[in-house]
């Protein structure tokens, strides 16, 4: 939890900062996480049509500029849990795993 009034009152900036932390973390494991224009989260190959995959979802709630947040980085998740939903509301969304895309043990 953060009190954004002590930093900045800009939810978009806050989301971009969380994305940056995730991108830098993924880099430590040999993955190139990137942003996708107009979408929140971190992606693999966001500019390659048909190859774009969302590897990190971010969800944030604020009340009076106090954040309640979370993120999901797909490291070694059983992706079958997502078969009955549309993850992040993106119909064509393919969910990758860090374990299958890098050196994560």
Foldseek 3Di string as FASTA:
>chain_A
DDQCVVPHDDVVVVQVVVQVVVQVVLVVFVAHWDDAPPDGATWHPNVDPPPIAGQKDKDWDDDNRDIDIDMDGAAPDPCVVCPVDCPPPDNSHDYDHSVVVGDDD
